[in-house]
Amino acid sequence: MYIFIKAKPGCKFNHVAKAADGTITVKIKTPATDGKANTELLRFIAEKLDLPRSKIRIVSGLTSSFKKIEIDSEEKEVKRKLGLL
């Protein structure tokens, strides 16, 4: 399945939030330098979903705040674990 997110690096803590318009924002503590925020983003999502890191990858948006993430898991389970239902 795919999810579209807006990543916000350099925040005080890691957090997933869904806005009223349906936008999924993932706040990451790590600053956006040398791809470290992308690495932390994938690690954080994998931890929240209780999946191996290898099951999650960024499909597009490596240098953008808007990203398309591919997750090798069922959509309903992903949404439930991320608190998006």
N, C-alpha and C. Protein backbone atom coordinates (compact mmCIF):
# COMPACT_ATOMS: atom_id res chain seq x y z
N MET A 1 0.83 -1.17 0.00
CA MET A 1 0.00 0.00 0.00
C MET A 1 0.88 1.23 0.00
N TYR A 2 0.31 2.35 -0.39
CA TYR A 2 1.02 3.62 -0.42
C TYR A 2 0.34 4.62 0.49
N ILE A 3 1.14 5.44 1.17
CA ILE A 3 0.60 6.57 1.90
C ILE A 3 1.37 7.82 1.45
N PHE A 4 0.69 8.94 1.46
CA PHE A 4 1.29 10.21 1.13
C PHE A 4 1.38 11.01 2.42
N ILE A 5 2.57 11.52 2.71
CA ILE A 5 2.78 12.24 3.95
C ILE A 5 3.49 13.56 3.70
N LYS A 6 3.39 14.43 4.69
CA LYS A 6 4.21 15.63 4.73
C LYS A 6 5.16 15.43 5.90
N ALA A 7 6.45 15.44 5.63
CA ALA A 7 7.45 15.25 6.67
C ALA A 7 7.91 16.61 7.19
N LYS A 8 8.04 16.71 8.51
CA LYS A 8 8.52 17.94 9.14
C LYS A 8 9.73 17.58 10.01
N PRO A 9 10.94 17.71 9.46
CA PRO A 9 12.14 17.38 10.24
C PRO A 9 12.48 18.50 11.24
N GLY A 10 13.31 18.17 12.20
CA GLY A 10 13.80 19.15 13.17
C GLY A 10 12.78 19.52 14.24
N CYS A 11 11.84 18.65 14.53
CA CYS A 11 10.82 18.91 15.55
C CYS A 11 11.32 18.45 16.92
N LYS A 12 10.56 18.75 17.96
CA LYS A 12 10.96 18.37 19.31
C LYS A 12 10.82 16.87 19.58
N PHE A 13 9.88 16.23 18.88
CA PHE A 13 9.66 14.80 19.10
C PHE A 13 9.07 14.18 17.84
N ASN A 14 9.14 12.86 17.72
CA ASN A 14 8.55 12.14 16.59
C ASN A 14 7.06 11.96 16.86
N HIS A 15 6.24 12.23 15.83
CA HIS A 15 4.80 12.18 16.02
C HIS A 15 4.10 12.06 14.67
N VAL A 16 2.98 11.33 14.63
CA VAL A 16 2.13 11.24 13.44
C VAL A 16 0.83 11.95 13.75
N ALA A 17 0.39 12.82 12.82
CA ALA A 17 -0.87 13.53 13.01
C ALA A 17 -1.63 13.57 11.69
N LYS A 18 -2.96 13.60 11.80
CA LYS A 18 -3.81 13.71 10.62
C LYS A 18 -4.62 15.00 10.75
N ALA A 19 -4.50 15.87 9.75
CA ALA A 19 -5.23 17.13 9.75
C ALA A 19 -6.67 16.90 9.32
N ALA A 20 -7.50 17.88 9.54
CA ALA A 20 -8.92 17.80 9.18
C ALA A 20 -9.12 17.57 7.69
N ASP A 21 -8.20 18.07 6.88
CA ASP A 21 -8.31 17.89 5.42
C ASP A 21 -7.78 16.53 4.96
N GLY A 22 -7.33 15.69 5.90
CA GLY A 22 -6.86 14.36 5.56
C GLY A 22 -5.36 14.23 5.37
N THR A 23 -4.64 15.34 5.42
CA THR A 23 -3.20 15.33 5.25
C THR A 23 -2.54 14.63 6.44
N ILE A 24 -1.62 13.73 6.15
CA ILE A 24 -0.87 13.02 7.20
C ILE A 24 0.48 13.73 7.35
N THR A 25 0.77 14.20 8.54
CA THR A 25 2.04 14.86 8.83
C THR A 25 2.82 13.99 9.80
N VAL A 26 4.08 13.77 9.47
CA VAL A 26 4.96 13.02 10.36
C VAL A 26 6.08 13.96 10.79
N LYS A 27 6.10 14.26 12.08
CA LYS A 27 7.14 15.12 12.64
C LYS A 27 8.30 14.24 13.09
N ILE A 28 9.51 14.67 12.73
CA ILE A 28 10.72 13.90 13.01
C ILE A 28 11.72 14.80 13.74
N LYS A 29 12.36 14.27 14.78
CA LYS A 29 13.34 15.03 15.55
C LYS A 29 14.59 15.37 14.74
N THR A 30 15.01 14.46 13.91
CA THR A 30 16.26 14.60 13.18
C THR A 30 16.18 15.71 12.14
N PRO A 31 17.21 16.57 12.05
CA PRO A 31 17.21 17.62 11.02
C PRO A 31 17.41 17.03 9.62
N ALA A 32 16.97 17.79 8.61
CA ALA A 32 17.05 17.32 7.22
C ALA A 32 18.43 17.60 6.63
N THR A 33 19.42 16.86 7.07
CA THR A 33 20.77 16.99 6.51
C THR A 33 21.30 15.62 6.13
N ASP A 34 21.85 15.53 4.94
CA ASP A 34 22.48 14.30 4.44
C ASP A 34 21.57 13.08 4.49
N GLY A 35 20.27 13.27 4.31
CA GLY A 35 19.33 12.16 4.29
C GLY A 35 19.01 11.55 5.64
N LYS A 36 19.50 12.16 6.70
CA LYS A 36 19.27 11.61 8.05
C LYS A 36 17.81 11.64 8.44
N ALA A 37 17.08 12.68 8.02
CA ALA A 37 15.66 12.76 8.37
C ALA A 37 14.88 11.65 7.67
N ASN A 38 15.22 11.34 6.42
CA ASN A 38 14.54 10.25 5.70
C ASN A 38 14.78 8.91 6.39
N THR A 39 16.01 8.69 6.82
CA THR A 39 16.34 7.45 7.53
C THR A 39 15.55 7.34 8.82
N GLU A 40 15.49 8.44 9.57
CA GLU A 40 14.74 8.45 10.84
C GLU A 40 13.24 8.30 10.57
N LEU A 41 12.75 8.92 9.51
CA LEU A 41 11.34 8.80 9.15
C LEU A 41 10.96 7.35 8.91
N LEU A 42 11.74 6.64 8.11
CA LEU A 42 11.45 5.24 7.82
C LEU A 42 11.58 4.37 9.07
N ARG A 43 12.57 4.65 9.90
CA ARG A 43 12.76 3.90 11.15
C ARG A 43 11.56 4.12 12.07
N PHE A 44 11.12 5.37 12.19
CA PHE A 44 9.99 5.70 13.06
C PHE A 44 8.70 5.04 12.58
N ILE A 45 8.43 5.10 11.28
CA ILE A 45 7.23 4.46 10.74
C ILE A 45 7.28 2.95 10.95
N ALA A 46 8.44 2.35 10.69
CA ALA A 46 8.59 0.90 10.90
C ALA A 46 8.34 0.54 12.36
N GLU A 47 8.84 1.35 13.27
CA GLU A 47 8.63 1.10 14.70
C GLU A 47 7.14 1.21 15.05
N LYS A 48 6.47 2.25 14.56
CA LYS A 48 5.05 2.44 14.85
C LYS A 48 4.20 1.28 14.30
N LEU A 49 4.61 0.74 13.15
CA LEU A 49 3.85 -0.33 12.51
C LEU A 49 4.30 -1.71 12.96
N ASP A 50 5.36 -1.78 13.75
CA ASP A 50 5.91 -3.04 14.20
C ASP A 50 6.27 -3.93 13.01
N LEU A 51 6.96 -3.31 12.03
CA LEU A 51 7.41 -4.00 10.82
C LEU A 51 8.91 -3.86 10.70
N PRO A 52 9.55 -4.79 9.99
CA PRO A 52 10.98 -4.60 9.71
C PRO A 52 11.16 -3.39 8.79
N ARG A 53 12.24 -2.69 8.96
CA ARG A 53 12.56 -1.50 8.15
C ARG A 53 12.54 -1.82 6.66
N SER A 54 12.88 -3.05 6.29
CA SER A 54 12.93 -3.45 4.88
C SER A 54 11.56 -3.47 4.21
N LYS A 55 10.48 -3.41 4.98
CA LYS A 55 9.11 -3.44 4.44
C LYS A 55 8.60 -2.05 4.09
N ILE A 56 9.42 -1.00 4.31
CA ILE A 56 8.99 0.37 4.09
C ILE A 56 10.05 1.09 3.26
N ARG A 57 9.59 1.86 2.24
CA ARG A 57 10.55 2.64 1.45
C ARG A 57 9.89 3.89 0.90
N ILE A 58 10.72 4.89 0.65
CA ILE A 58 10.26 6.13 0.04
C ILE A 58 10.27 5.94 -1.46
N VAL A 59 9.11 6.09 -2.09
CA VAL A 59 8.97 5.91 -3.54
C VAL A 59 9.30 7.21 -4.26
N SER A 60 8.81 8.32 -3.73
CA SER A 60 9.12 9.62 -4.33
C SER A 60 9.15 10.68 -3.24
N GLY A 61 9.90 11.75 -3.50
CA GLY A 61 10.00 12.85 -2.56
C GLY A 61 11.19 12.79 -1.64
N LEU A 62 12.29 12.18 -2.09
CA LEU A 62 13.47 12.07 -1.23
C LEU A 62 13.97 13.43 -0.74
N THR A 63 13.89 14.46 -1.58
CA THR A 63 14.38 15.78 -1.19
C THR A 63 13.25 16.77 -0.94
N SER A 64 12.03 16.29 -0.90
CA SER A 64 10.86 17.12 -0.68
C SER A 64 10.23 16.81 0.67
N SER A 65 9.43 17.74 1.17
CA SER A 65 8.72 17.43 2.41
C SER A 65 7.50 16.55 2.15
N PHE A 66 7.02 16.53 0.90
CA PHE A 66 5.90 15.67 0.53
C PHE A 66 6.44 14.37 -0.03
N LYS A 67 6.07 13.26 0.58
CA LYS A 67 6.65 11.96 0.23
C LYS A 67 5.57 10.92 -0.03
N LYS A 68 5.89 10.01 -0.92
CA LYS A 68 5.04 8.84 -1.17
C LYS A 68 5.80 7.65 -0.58
N ILE A 69 5.16 6.98 0.39
CA ILE A 69 5.78 5.88 1.10
C ILE A 69 5.09 4.58 0.73
N GLU A 70 5.88 3.57 0.38
CA GLU A 70 5.34 2.24 0.11
C GLU A 70 5.53 1.38 1.36
N ILE A 71 4.44 0.74 1.79
CA ILE A 71 4.49 -0.11 2.98
C ILE A 71 3.96 -1.48 2.61
N ASP A 72 4.76 -2.49 2.86
CA ASP A 72 4.38 -3.86 2.56
C ASP A 72 3.56 -4.42 3.72
N SER A 73 2.29 -3.99 3.79
CA SER A 73 1.37 -4.42 4.84
C SER A 73 -0.05 -4.08 4.40
N GLU A 74 -1.03 -4.58 5.12
CA GLU A 74 -2.43 -4.31 4.77
C GLU A 74 -2.82 -2.90 5.18
N GLU A 75 -3.60 -2.25 4.32
CA GLU A 75 -3.98 -0.85 4.52
C GLU A 75 -4.69 -0.62 5.84
N LYS A 76 -5.63 -1.46 6.17
CA LYS A 76 -6.40 -1.28 7.40
C LYS A 76 -5.50 -1.35 8.63
N GLU A 77 -4.57 -2.28 8.62
CA GLU A 77 -3.64 -2.45 9.74
C GLU A 77 -2.72 -1.23 9.87
N VAL A 78 -2.23 -0.73 8.74
CA VAL A 78 -1.35 0.44 8.74
C VAL A 78 -2.09 1.64 9.32
N LYS A 79 -3.29 1.90 8.85
CA LYS A 79 -4.06 3.04 9.32
C LYS A 79 -4.38 2.91 10.81
N ARG A 80 -4.70 1.71 11.25
CA ARG A 80 -4.99 1.51 12.67
C ARG A 80 -3.79 1.79 13.54
N LYS A 81 -2.64 1.25 13.15
CA LYS A 81 -1.43 1.42 13.96
C LYS A 81 -0.90 2.85 13.96
N LEU A 82 -1.15 3.58 12.85
CA LEU A 82 -0.71 4.97 12.80
C LEU A 82 -1.75 5.92 13.40
N GLY A 83 -2.89 5.38 13.82
CA GLY A 83 -3.93 6.19 14.42
C GLY A 83 -4.67 7.05 13.42
N LEU A 84 -4.83 6.55 12.20
CA LEU A 84 -5.45 7.33 11.14
C LEU A 84 -6.89 6.93 10.86
N LEU A 85 -7.44 5.99 11.60
CA LEU A 85 -8.83 5.57 11.39
C LEU A 85 -9.79 6.45 12.18
